[in-house]
């Protein structure tokens, strides 16, 4: 595994890992709307996005309700226009505040093990 000092962000993935296509559904529709003048030229809209706060889950009980400054990975996904595969097109690393909530019910298997 690479040393964290060697990690470079953003990560970008320009082709579908399943078929090699460069055509993506949300990206293509966004471009159409830009051409029509309905949205700004620099707009990028993913099909889906998600974030992963990076923190020690074994410390959750003492952090509940407190804002936590931690690294955040933000991932953007789109759908291959040619084969329908959902895949990540970009990952960015940020630092931000997240509020830790205690999971309801039984924690998932492996929770807190990284």
C-alpha atoms as a PDB file:
ATOM      1  CA  UNK A   1       0.000   0.000   0.000  1.00  0.00           C
ATOM      2  CA  UNK A   2       1.231   3.485  -0.830  1.00  0.00           C
ATOM      3  CA  UNK A   3       2.390   5.790   1.934  1.00  0.00           C
ATOM      4  CA  UNK A   4      -0.213   8.547   2.518  1.00  0.00           C
ATOM      5  CA  UNK A   5       2.370  11.170   1.458  1.00  0.00           C
ATOM      6  CA  UNK A   6       2.268   9.610  -2.013  1.00  0.00           C
ATOM      7  CA  UNK A   7      -1.516   9.809  -2.371  1.00  0.00           C
ATOM      8  CA  UNK A   8      -2.581  12.423  -4.919  1.00  0.00           C
ATOM      9  CA  UNK A   9      -6.077  13.862  -5.218  1.00  0.00           C
ATOM     10  CA  UNK A  10      -8.296  14.332  -7.069  1.00  0.00           C
ATOM     11  CA  UNK A  11      -8.532  10.875  -8.561  1.00  0.00           C
ATOM     12  CA  UNK A  12     -10.233  10.806 -11.941  1.00  0.00           C
ATOM     13  CA  UNK A  13     -11.530   7.860 -13.926  1.00  0.00           C
ATOM     14  CA  UNK A  14     -12.239   8.765 -17.531  1.00  0.00           C
ATOM     15  CA  UNK A  15     -13.403   5.438 -18.944  1.00  0.00           C
ATOM     16  CA  UNK A  16     -15.975   2.855 -17.956  1.00  0.00           C
ATOM     17  CA  UNK A  17     -14.214  -0.053 -16.205  1.00  0.00           C
ATOM     18  CA  UNK A  18     -16.638  -2.525 -17.790  1.00  0.00           C
ATOM     19  CA  UNK A  19     -16.612  -1.548 -21.484  1.00  0.00           C
ATOM     20  CA  UNK A  20     -14.087   1.285 -21.917  1.00  0.00           C
ATOM     21  CA  UNK A  21     -16.649   3.861 -23.081  1.00  0.00           C
ATOM     22  CA  UNK A  22     -16.091   7.540 -22.324  1.00  0.00           C
ATOM     23  CA  UNK A  23     -19.798   8.402 -22.653  1.00  0.00           C
ATOM     24  CA  UNK A  24     -21.602   9.025 -19.366  1.00  0.00           C
ATOM     25  CA  UNK A  25     -25.344   9.618 -19.004  1.00  0.00           C
ATOM     26  CA  UNK A  26     -25.519  12.496 -16.497  1.00  0.00           C
ATOM     27  CA  UNK A  27     -22.525  14.216 -18.078  1.00  0.00           C
ATOM     28  CA  UNK A  28     -24.099  14.050 -21.560  1.00  0.00           C
ATOM     29  CA  UNK A  29     -27.474  15.394 -20.398  1.00  0.00           C
ATOM     30  CA  UNK A  30     -25.709  18.154 -18.447  1.00  0.00           C
ATOM     31  CA  UNK A  31     -23.851  19.180 -21.630  1.00  0.00           C
ATOM     32  CA  UNK A  32     -27.169  19.292 -23.538  1.00  0.00           C
ATOM     33  CA  UNK A  33     -28.649  21.607 -20.913  1.00  0.00           C
ATOM     34  CA  UNK A  34     -25.550  23.833 -21.061  1.00  0.00           C
ATOM     35  CA  UNK A  35     -25.930  24.090 -24.862  1.00  0.00           C
ATOM     36  CA  UNK A  36     -29.570  25.109 -24.397  1.00  0.00           C
ATOM     37  CA  UNK A  37     -28.428  27.834 -21.983  1.00  0.00           C
ATOM     38  CA  UNK A  38     -30.413  26.386 -19.097  1.00  0.00           C
ATOM     39  CA  UNK A  39     -27.423  25.921 -16.785  1.00  0.00           C
ATOM     40  CA  UNK A  40     -23.999  27.557 -16.463  1.00  0.00           C
ATOM     41  CA  UNK A  41     -21.137  26.422 -18.681  1.00  0.00           C
ATOM     42  CA  UNK A  42     -18.893  25.178 -15.853  1.00  0.00           C
ATOM     43  CA  UNK A  43     -21.616  23.057 -14.195  1.00  0.00           C
ATOM     44  CA  UNK A  44     -20.858  19.393 -13.547  1.00  0.00           C
ATOM     45  CA  UNK A  45     -23.670  17.190 -12.274  1.00  0.00           C
ATOM     46  CA  UNK A  46     -22.979  13.593 -11.273  1.00  0.00           C
ATOM     47  CA  UNK A  47     -25.629  10.907 -11.243  1.00  0.00           C
ATOM     48  CA  UNK A  48     -24.841  10.302  -7.588  1.00  0.00           C
ATOM     49  CA  UNK A  49     -22.309  11.407  -4.988  1.00  0.00           C
ATOM     50  CA  UNK A  50     -21.238  10.242  -1.577  1.00  0.00           C
ATOM     51  CA  UNK A  51     -18.822  11.137   1.159  1.00  0.00           C
ATOM     52  CA  UNK A  52     -16.770   9.180   3.626  1.00  0.00           C
ATOM     53  CA  UNK A  53     -15.635  10.954   6.794  1.00  0.00           C
ATOM     54  CA  UNK A  54     -12.372   9.392   7.938  1.00  0.00           C
ATOM     55  CA  UNK A  55     -12.339   9.048  11.733  1.00  0.00           C
ATOM     56  CA  UNK A  56     -11.854   6.435  14.434  1.00  0.00           C
ATOM     57  CA  UNK A  57     -15.241   4.715  14.868  1.00  0.00           C
ATOM     58  CA  UNK A  58     -14.141   3.217  18.199  1.00  0.00           C
ATOM     59  CA  UNK A  59     -14.357   6.766  19.573  1.00  0.00           C
ATOM     60  CA  UNK A  60     -17.956   7.342  18.416  1.00  0.00           C
ATOM     61  CA  UNK A  61     -19.503   7.216  21.905  1.00  0.00           C
ATOM     62  CA  UNK A  62     -17.442  10.171  23.158  1.00  0.00           C
ATOM     63  CA  UNK A  63     -17.915  12.172  19.941  1.00  0.00           C
ATOM     64  CA  UNK A  64     -21.713  11.936  19.570  1.00  0.00           C
ATOM     65  CA  UNK A  65     -23.272  15.352  19.032  1.00  0.00           C
ATOM     66  CA  UNK A  66     -19.932  17.129  18.600  1.00  0.00           C
ATOM     67  CA  UNK A  67     -18.717  18.554  15.305  1.00  0.00           C
ATOM     68  CA  UNK A  68     -15.632  16.649  14.245  1.00  0.00           C
ATOM     69  CA  UNK A  69     -12.961  18.049  11.914  1.00  0.00           C
ATOM     70  CA  UNK A  70     -11.672  15.187   9.824  1.00  0.00           C
ATOM     71  CA  UNK A  71     -10.598  14.243   6.328  1.00  0.00           C
ATOM     72  CA  UNK A  72     -13.507  13.693   3.955  1.00  0.00           C
ATOM     73  CA  UNK A  73     -13.421  11.731   0.740  1.00  0.00           C
ATOM     74  CA  UNK A  74     -16.086  12.902  -1.697  1.00  0.00           C
ATOM     75  CA  UNK A  75     -16.849  10.597  -4.628  1.00  0.00           C
ATOM     76  CA  UNK A  76     -18.863  11.385  -7.757  1.00  0.00           C
ATOM     77  CA  UNK A  77     -20.497   8.642  -9.816  1.00  0.00           C
ATOM     78  CA  UNK A  78     -22.055   8.468 -13.265  1.00  0.00           C
ATOM     79  CA  UNK A  79     -23.620   5.760 -15.417  1.00  0.00           C
ATOM     80  CA  UNK A  80     -21.964   4.476 -18.576  1.00  0.00           C
ATOM     81  CA  UNK A  81     -24.185   5.475 -21.478  1.00  0.00           C
ATOM     82  CA  UNK A  82     -23.209   2.372 -23.453  1.00  0.00           C
ATOM     83  CA  UNK A  83     -23.433  -0.487 -20.936  1.00  0.00           C
ATOM     84  CA  UNK A  84     -25.191   0.951 -17.869  1.00  0.00           C
ATOM     85  CA  UNK A  85     -22.381   0.402 -15.372  1.00  0.00           C
ATOM     86  CA  UNK A  86     -22.413   2.772 -12.397  1.00  0.00           C
ATOM     87  CA  UNK A  87     -18.847   3.819 -11.651  1.00  0.00           C
ATOM     88  CA  UNK A  88     -16.825   6.442  -9.852  1.00  0.00           C
ATOM     89  CA  UNK A  89     -15.601   9.266 -12.094  1.00  0.00           C
ATOM     90  CA  UNK A  90     -13.875  11.466  -9.489  1.00  0.00           C
ATOM     91  CA  UNK A  91     -12.708  11.344  -5.861  1.00  0.00           C
ATOM     92  CA  UNK A  92     -11.691  14.489  -3.989  1.00  0.00           C
ATOM     93  CA  UNK A  93     -10.114  14.789  -0.552  1.00  0.00           C
ATOM     94  CA  UNK A  94     -11.286  17.611   1.695  1.00  0.00           C
ATOM     95  CA  UNK A  95     -11.231  18.485   5.372  1.00  0.00           C
ATOM     96  CA  UNK A  96     -14.531  19.320   6.948  1.00  0.00           C
ATOM     97  CA  UNK A  97     -16.756  19.188   9.965  1.00  0.00           C
ATOM     98  CA  UNK A  98     -19.149  16.313  10.394  1.00  0.00           C
ATOM     99  CA  UNK A  99     -21.484  15.614  13.260  1.00  0.00           C
ATOM    100  CA  UNK A 100     -21.192  12.109  14.598  1.00  0.00           C
ATOM    101  CA  UNK A 101     -24.448  10.293  15.292  1.00  0.00           C
ATOM    102  CA  UNK A 102     -24.673   7.073  17.242  1.00  0.00           C
ATOM    103  CA  UNK A 103     -25.832   4.281  14.939  1.00  0.00           C
ATOM    104  CA  UNK A 104     -29.328   3.062  15.718  1.00  0.00           C
ATOM    105  CA  UNK A 105     -29.706  -0.622  16.446  1.00  0.00           C
ATOM    106  CA  UNK A 106     -26.942  -3.135  16.210  1.00  0.00           C
ATOM    107  CA  UNK A 107     -23.764  -1.871  14.453  1.00  0.00           C
ATOM    108  CA  UNK A 108     -23.018  -3.522  11.104  1.00  0.00           C
ATOM    109  CA  UNK A 109     -20.601  -6.460  11.043  1.00  0.00           C
ATOM    110  CA  UNK A 110     -17.049  -5.134  10.930  1.00  0.00           C
ATOM    111  CA  UNK A 111     -17.989  -1.608  12.098  1.00  0.00           C
ATOM    112  CA  UNK A 112     -14.987  -0.009  13.713  1.00  0.00           C
ATOM    113  CA  UNK A 113     -12.416  -2.289  12.138  1.00  0.00           C
ATOM    114  CA  UNK A 114     -11.409  -0.023   9.218  1.00  0.00           C
END
